[in-house]
Amino acid sequence: MINGIKPNPIVEDFDSAMDNLLEKIQENYASRYGDNHKPSRKLDLSLKRGRKFIKVIEGSRVWGFISLVDGEHKGAPIFVGSIMKAASWNAAAKHSRGSIFDAEMHKSFSWTGPNYL
């Protein structure tokens, strides 16, 4: 941190944090349904990059959004890596639910999506 300003993460850090997020979503799903489903069954996760967010898609639904920029969204502050709940197919909800850079990020979501506030 320089003069109270946190620098933007390096691209490699962002990519590895995104990979970690996708792994944690799969782990959460396996811990919840591992015994009831085939062990090889996994969620069909994909990413779609936009201007401001990366949309995380699971099958035919939006899991959530990850912020690509620092700034404001609907009047609330967001930072690079903020985990956002989906308000609709194309829009993130107002408040951040956590960060992909947080060591305890797995507490801010489940396999169904980011947690409610």
N, C-alpha and C. Protein backbone atom coordinates (compact mmCIF):
# COMPACT_ATOMS: atom_id res chain seq x y z
N MET A 1 0.84 -1.16 0.00
CA MET A 1 0.00 0.00 0.00
C MET A 1 0.90 1.23 0.00
N ILE A 2 0.64 2.14 -0.91
CA ILE A 2 1.43 3.36 -1.04
C ILE A 2 0.51 4.55 -0.78
N ASN A 3 0.84 5.33 0.26
CA ASN A 3 0.03 6.50 0.62
C ASN A 3 -1.46 6.15 0.79
N GLY A 4 -1.73 4.99 1.34
CA GLY A 4 -3.11 4.58 1.57
C GLY A 4 -3.83 4.08 0.34
N ILE A 5 -3.12 3.95 -0.78
CA ILE A 5 -3.74 3.48 -2.02
C ILE A 5 -3.24 2.07 -2.31
N LYS A 6 -4.16 1.16 -2.43
CA LYS A 6 -3.81 -0.22 -2.73
C LYS A 6 -3.65 -0.36 -4.24
N PRO A 7 -2.48 -0.82 -4.72
CA PRO A 7 -2.29 -0.95 -6.17
C PRO A 7 -3.15 -2.07 -6.75
N ASN A 8 -3.49 -1.92 -8.03
CA ASN A 8 -4.24 -2.98 -8.70
C ASN A 8 -3.41 -4.26 -8.73
N PRO A 9 -4.06 -5.42 -8.57
CA PRO A 9 -3.31 -6.67 -8.60
C PRO A 9 -2.71 -6.93 -9.98
N ILE A 10 -1.63 -7.67 -10.00
CA ILE A 10 -0.99 -8.05 -11.25
C ILE A 10 -1.89 -9.06 -11.95
N VAL A 11 -1.87 -9.06 -13.27
CA VAL A 11 -2.75 -9.92 -14.06
C VAL A 11 -2.59 -11.39 -13.68
N GLU A 12 -1.36 -11.84 -13.45
CA GLU A 12 -1.14 -13.25 -13.09
C GLU A 12 -1.83 -13.57 -11.77
N ASP A 13 -1.79 -12.60 -10.82
CA ASP A 13 -2.47 -12.81 -9.54
C ASP A 13 -3.98 -12.90 -9.75
N PHE A 14 -4.52 -12.06 -10.61
CA PHE A 14 -5.96 -12.08 -10.90
C PHE A 14 -6.35 -13.41 -11.52
N ASP A 15 -5.57 -13.87 -12.50
CA ASP A 15 -5.88 -15.14 -13.16
C ASP A 15 -5.82 -16.31 -12.19
N SER A 16 -4.80 -16.34 -11.33
CA SER A 16 -4.70 -17.44 -10.37
C SER A 16 -5.82 -17.35 -9.33
N ALA A 17 -6.22 -16.13 -8.95
CA ALA A 17 -7.32 -15.96 -8.01
C ALA A 17 -8.64 -16.42 -8.64
N MET A 18 -8.83 -16.15 -9.93
CA MET A 18 -10.03 -16.62 -10.64
C MET A 18 -10.04 -18.16 -10.70
N ASP A 19 -8.89 -18.76 -11.01
CA ASP A 19 -8.80 -20.22 -11.03
C ASP A 19 -9.14 -20.78 -9.65
N ASN A 20 -8.63 -20.14 -8.60
CA ASN A 20 -8.90 -20.57 -7.23
C ASN A 20 -10.39 -20.46 -6.92
N LEU A 21 -11.03 -19.38 -7.37
CA LEU A 21 -12.48 -19.22 -7.17
C LEU A 21 -13.25 -20.37 -7.80
N LEU A 22 -12.93 -20.69 -9.05
CA LEU A 22 -13.64 -21.77 -9.74
C LEU A 22 -13.41 -23.11 -9.04
N GLU A 23 -12.20 -23.34 -8.53
CA GLU A 23 -11.92 -24.57 -7.77
C GLU A 23 -12.73 -24.62 -6.48
N LYS A 24 -12.82 -23.49 -5.78
CA LYS A 24 -13.57 -23.43 -4.52
C LYS A 24 -15.07 -23.65 -4.75
N ILE A 25 -15.59 -23.15 -5.87
CA ILE A 25 -17.00 -23.40 -6.20
C ILE A 25 -17.21 -24.90 -6.41
N GLN A 26 -16.31 -25.54 -7.17
CA GLN A 26 -16.42 -26.99 -7.40
C GLN A 26 -16.29 -27.76 -6.09
N GLU A 27 -15.36 -27.35 -5.22
CA GLU A 27 -15.19 -28.02 -3.92
C GLU A 27 -16.44 -27.89 -3.06
N ASN A 28 -17.06 -26.71 -3.07
CA ASN A 28 -18.28 -26.51 -2.30
C ASN A 28 -19.39 -27.41 -2.80
N TYR A 29 -19.50 -27.54 -4.12
CA TYR A 29 -20.51 -28.41 -4.72
C TYR A 29 -20.25 -29.86 -4.33
N ALA A 30 -18.98 -30.29 -4.42
CA ALA A 30 -18.63 -31.68 -4.10
C ALA A 30 -18.88 -31.98 -2.63
N SER A 31 -18.59 -31.02 -1.74
CA SER A 31 -18.81 -31.26 -0.32
C SER A 31 -20.30 -31.35 0.00
N ARG A 32 -21.10 -30.67 -0.77
CA ARG A 32 -22.55 -30.67 -0.53
C ARG A 32 -23.23 -31.90 -1.15
N TYR A 33 -22.79 -32.27 -2.35
CA TYR A 33 -23.48 -33.33 -3.09
C TYR A 33 -22.58 -34.47 -3.53
N GLY A 34 -21.36 -34.54 -3.02
CA GLY A 34 -20.41 -35.57 -3.45
C GLY A 34 -20.90 -36.98 -3.23
N ASP A 35 -21.57 -37.26 -2.09
CA ASP A 35 -22.02 -38.61 -1.79
C ASP A 35 -23.26 -39.00 -2.59
N ASN A 36 -24.08 -38.01 -2.96
CA ASN A 36 -25.34 -38.30 -3.63
C ASN A 36 -25.22 -38.35 -5.15
N HIS A 37 -24.12 -37.88 -5.69
CA HIS A 37 -23.94 -37.84 -7.13
C HIS A 37 -22.69 -38.59 -7.52
N LYS A 38 -22.54 -38.84 -8.78
CA LYS A 38 -21.33 -39.50 -9.27
C LYS A 38 -20.12 -38.65 -8.89
N PRO A 39 -19.04 -39.28 -8.44
CA PRO A 39 -17.86 -38.50 -8.04
C PRO A 39 -17.28 -37.66 -9.17
N SER A 40 -17.49 -38.06 -10.40
CA SER A 40 -16.92 -37.32 -11.52
C SER A 40 -17.80 -36.14 -11.94
N ARG A 41 -18.98 -36.02 -11.37
CA ARG A 41 -19.88 -34.94 -11.76
C ARG A 41 -19.34 -33.60 -11.28
N LYS A 42 -19.29 -32.64 -12.19
CA LYS A 42 -18.82 -31.30 -11.86
C LYS A 42 -19.78 -30.28 -12.43
N LEU A 43 -19.72 -29.09 -11.88
CA LEU A 43 -20.51 -27.99 -12.41
C LEU A 43 -19.93 -27.54 -13.74
N ASP A 44 -20.79 -27.11 -14.64
CA ASP A 44 -20.36 -26.61 -15.94
C ASP A 44 -20.16 -25.09 -15.82
N LEU A 45 -18.96 -24.70 -15.36
CA LEU A 45 -18.67 -23.28 -15.15
C LEU A 45 -17.97 -22.69 -16.36
N SER A 46 -18.38 -21.49 -16.73
CA SER A 46 -17.71 -20.76 -17.82
C SER A 46 -17.66 -19.28 -17.45
N LEU A 47 -16.79 -18.55 -18.14
CA LEU A 47 -16.60 -17.13 -17.88
C LEU A 47 -16.89 -16.33 -19.14
N LYS A 48 -17.49 -15.16 -18.96
CA LYS A 48 -17.72 -14.24 -20.07
C LYS A 48 -17.26 -12.86 -19.63
N ARG A 49 -16.25 -12.34 -20.31
CA ARG A 49 -15.67 -11.06 -19.94
C ARG A 49 -16.45 -9.91 -20.55
N GLY A 50 -16.70 -8.89 -19.74
CA GLY A 50 -17.33 -7.66 -20.20
C GLY A 50 -16.40 -6.49 -19.94
N ARG A 51 -16.92 -5.27 -20.04
CA ARG A 51 -16.11 -4.07 -19.80
C ARG A 51 -15.73 -3.93 -18.33
N LYS A 52 -16.70 -4.16 -17.46
CA LYS A 52 -16.55 -3.88 -16.04
C LYS A 52 -16.50 -5.13 -15.17
N PHE A 53 -17.10 -6.21 -15.65
CA PHE A 53 -17.21 -7.44 -14.87
C PHE A 53 -16.91 -8.68 -15.71
N ILE A 54 -16.53 -9.73 -15.02
CA ILE A 54 -16.49 -11.07 -15.61
C ILE A 54 -17.73 -11.78 -15.08
N LYS A 55 -18.54 -12.29 -15.98
CA LYS A 55 -19.74 -13.03 -15.59
C LYS A 55 -19.36 -14.50 -15.43
N VAL A 56 -19.67 -15.08 -14.27
CA VAL A 56 -19.44 -16.50 -14.02
C VAL A 56 -20.76 -17.21 -14.29
N ILE A 57 -20.75 -18.09 -15.27
CA ILE A 57 -21.97 -18.78 -15.69
C ILE A 57 -21.87 -20.25 -15.31
N GLU A 58 -22.93 -20.77 -14.71
CA GLU A 58 -23.01 -22.19 -14.37
C GLU A 58 -24.18 -22.77 -15.14
N GLY A 59 -23.86 -23.58 -16.15
CA GLY A 59 -24.92 -24.14 -16.98
C GLY A 59 -25.64 -23.05 -17.74
N SER A 60 -26.93 -22.86 -17.42
CA SER A 60 -27.72 -21.83 -18.11
C SER A 60 -28.14 -20.71 -17.16
N ARG A 61 -27.39 -20.53 -16.07
CA ARG A 61 -27.71 -19.46 -15.12
C ARG A 61 -26.45 -18.70 -14.74
N VAL A 62 -26.64 -17.50 -14.25
CA VAL A 62 -25.52 -16.67 -13.81
C VAL A 62 -25.22 -17.00 -12.36
N TRP A 63 -23.97 -17.42 -12.08
CA TRP A 63 -23.53 -17.67 -10.70
C TRP A 63 -23.29 -16.33 -10.00
N GLY A 64 -22.63 -15.40 -10.69
CA GLY A 64 -22.31 -14.10 -10.12
C GLY A 64 -21.38 -13.33 -11.04
N PHE A 65 -20.85 -12.24 -10.52
CA PHE A 65 -19.95 -11.37 -11.29
C PHE A 65 -18.69 -11.09 -10.48
N ILE A 66 -17.57 -10.90 -11.18
CA ILE A 66 -16.31 -10.51 -10.57
C ILE A 66 -15.89 -9.18 -11.19
N SER A 67 -15.59 -8.19 -10.35
CA SER A 67 -15.25 -6.86 -10.84
C SER A 67 -13.85 -6.84 -11.47
N LEU A 68 -13.75 -6.15 -12.60
CA LEU A 68 -12.47 -5.96 -13.29
C LEU A 68 -11.87 -4.59 -13.00
N VAL A 69 -12.64 -3.69 -12.39
CA VAL A 69 -12.21 -2.31 -12.21
C VAL A 69 -12.46 -1.84 -10.77
N ASP A 70 -11.73 -0.83 -10.37
CA ASP A 70 -12.01 -0.11 -9.13
C ASP A 70 -12.98 1.02 -9.47
N GLY A 71 -13.87 1.33 -8.56
CA GLY A 71 -14.78 2.45 -8.81
C GLY A 71 -16.07 2.28 -8.05
N GLU A 72 -17.16 2.66 -8.69
CA GLU A 72 -18.49 2.57 -8.10
C GLU A 72 -19.40 1.77 -8.99
N HIS A 73 -20.33 1.06 -8.35
CA HIS A 73 -21.38 0.35 -9.07
C HIS A 73 -22.68 0.61 -8.33
N LYS A 74 -23.61 1.29 -8.97
CA LYS A 74 -24.90 1.64 -8.37
C LYS A 74 -24.71 2.41 -7.07
N GLY A 75 -23.67 3.25 -7.02
CA GLY A 75 -23.42 4.09 -5.85
C GLY A 75 -22.61 3.43 -4.74
N ALA A 76 -22.28 2.16 -4.88
CA ALA A 76 -21.48 1.46 -3.86
C ALA A 76 -20.07 1.23 -4.40
N PRO A 77 -19.07 1.32 -3.52
CA PRO A 77 -17.70 1.13 -4.00
C PRO A 77 -17.42 -0.33 -4.36
N ILE A 78 -16.65 -0.51 -5.44
CA ILE A 78 -16.19 -1.85 -5.83
C ILE A 78 -14.70 -1.77 -6.11
N PHE A 79 -14.04 -2.90 -6.01
CA PHE A 79 -12.62 -2.99 -6.25
C PHE A 79 -12.35 -4.17 -7.17
N VAL A 80 -11.20 -4.19 -7.81
CA VAL A 80 -10.82 -5.31 -8.67
C VAL A 80 -10.91 -6.58 -7.84
N GLY A 81 -11.62 -7.58 -8.35
CA GLY A 81 -11.76 -8.86 -7.67
C GLY A 81 -12.97 -8.96 -6.76
N SER A 82 -13.79 -7.92 -6.69
CA SER A 82 -15.00 -7.98 -5.84
C SER A 82 -15.96 -9.03 -6.39
N ILE A 83 -16.51 -9.85 -5.49
CA ILE A 83 -17.50 -10.86 -5.85
C ILE A 83 -18.87 -10.23 -5.71
N MET A 84 -19.64 -10.25 -6.79
CA MET A 84 -20.96 -9.61 -6.80
C MET A 84 -22.04 -10.64 -7.11
N LYS A 85 -23.15 -10.55 -6.42
CA LYS A 85 -24.32 -11.37 -6.71
C LYS A 85 -24.96 -10.87 -8.00
N ALA A 86 -25.63 -11.73 -8.71
CA ALA A 86 -26.30 -11.33 -9.95
C ALA A 86 -27.66 -10.71 -9.63
N ALA A 87 -27.94 -9.55 -10.23
CA ALA A 87 -29.27 -8.93 -10.12
C ALA A 87 -30.13 -9.42 -11.28
N SER A 88 -29.50 -9.67 -12.41
CA SER A 88 -30.17 -10.22 -13.58
C SER A 88 -29.10 -10.89 -14.44
N TRP A 89 -29.49 -11.34 -15.62
CA TRP A 89 -28.54 -12.00 -16.51
C TRP A 89 -27.39 -11.06 -16.89
N ASN A 90 -27.68 -9.79 -17.04
CA ASN A 90 -26.67 -8.84 -17.50
C ASN A 90 -26.20 -7.84 -16.44
N ALA A 91 -26.68 -7.92 -15.21
CA ALA A 91 -26.33 -6.89 -14.22
C ALA A 91 -25.96 -7.50 -12.88
N ALA A 92 -24.95 -6.89 -12.27
CA ALA A 92 -24.54 -7.29 -10.92
C ALA A 92 -25.37 -6.53 -9.89
N ALA A 93 -25.56 -7.15 -8.73
CA ALA A 93 -26.26 -6.48 -7.63
C ALA A 93 -25.39 -5.36 -7.07
N LYS A 94 -25.95 -4.56 -6.19
CA LYS A 94 -25.29 -3.34 -5.75
C LYS A 94 -24.04 -3.57 -4.90
N HIS A 95 -24.07 -4.46 -3.94
CA HIS A 95 -22.99 -4.56 -2.96
C HIS A 95 -22.08 -5.76 -3.21
N SER A 96 -20.80 -5.57 -2.88
CA SER A 96 -19.81 -6.64 -2.98
C SER A 96 -20.04 -7.66 -1.87
N ARG A 97 -19.85 -8.93 -2.18
CA ARG A 97 -20.02 -10.01 -1.20
C ARG A 97 -18.68 -10.54 -0.71
N GLY A 98 -17.58 -10.04 -1.23
CA GLY A 98 -16.25 -10.50 -0.83
C GLY A 98 -15.27 -10.21 -1.95
N SER A 99 -14.09 -10.79 -1.86
CA SER A 99 -13.05 -10.58 -2.87
C SER A 99 -12.39 -11.89 -3.20
N ILE A 100 -12.01 -12.05 -4.46
CA ILE A 100 -11.32 -13.27 -4.86
C ILE A 100 -9.90 -13.31 -4.30
N PHE A 101 -9.39 -12.19 -3.79
CA PHE A 101 -8.05 -12.12 -3.23
C PHE A 101 -8.04 -12.40 -1.73
N ASP A 102 -9.21 -12.52 -1.11
CA ASP A 102 -9.31 -12.77 0.32
C ASP A 102 -8.99 -14.23 0.61
N ALA A 103 -8.18 -14.48 1.65
CA ALA A 103 -7.83 -15.85 2.02
C ALA A 103 -9.05 -16.65 2.46
N GLU A 104 -10.06 -15.98 2.98
CA GLU A 104 -11.28 -16.64 3.46
C GLU A 104 -12.45 -16.43 2.51
N MET A 105 -12.16 -16.30 1.21
CA MET A 105 -13.22 -15.99 0.25
C MET A 105 -14.28 -17.07 0.18
N HIS A 106 -13.91 -18.32 0.51
CA HIS A 106 -14.89 -19.41 0.41
C HIS A 106 -16.06 -19.23 1.36
N LYS A 107 -15.94 -18.34 2.35
CA LYS A 107 -17.05 -18.08 3.27
C LYS A 107 -18.06 -17.10 2.69
N SER A 108 -17.73 -16.45 1.56
CA SER A 108 -18.61 -15.44 1.01
C SER A 108 -19.52 -15.97 -0.11
N PHE A 109 -19.45 -17.28 -0.39
CA PHE A 109 -20.29 -17.84 -1.44
C PHE A 109 -20.50 -19.33 -1.21
N SER A 110 -21.43 -19.90 -1.95
CA SER A 110 -21.61 -21.35 -2.04
C SER A 110 -21.65 -21.69 -3.52
N TRP A 111 -21.88 -22.95 -3.84
CA TRP A 111 -21.89 -23.33 -5.25
C TRP A 111 -23.06 -22.70 -5.99
N THR A 112 -24.09 -22.25 -5.25
CA THR A 112 -25.25 -21.65 -5.89
C THR A 112 -25.05 -20.18 -6.21
N GLY A 113 -24.03 -19.53 -5.61
CA GLY A 113 -23.76 -18.14 -5.88
C GLY A 113 -23.26 -17.41 -4.65
N PRO A 114 -22.96 -16.13 -4.79
CA PRO A 114 -22.52 -15.33 -3.64
C PRO A 114 -23.61 -15.27 -2.58
N ASN A 115 -23.20 -15.19 -1.31
CA ASN A 115 -24.14 -15.16 -0.20
C ASN A 115 -24.89 -13.83 -0.15
N TYR A 116 -26.06 -13.87 0.49
CA TYR A 116 -26.81 -12.64 0.76
C TYR A 116 -26.07 -11.87 1.84
N LEU A 117 -26.32 -10.57 1.93
CA LEU A 117 -25.66 -9.75 2.95
C LEU A 117 -26.22 -10.00 4.32
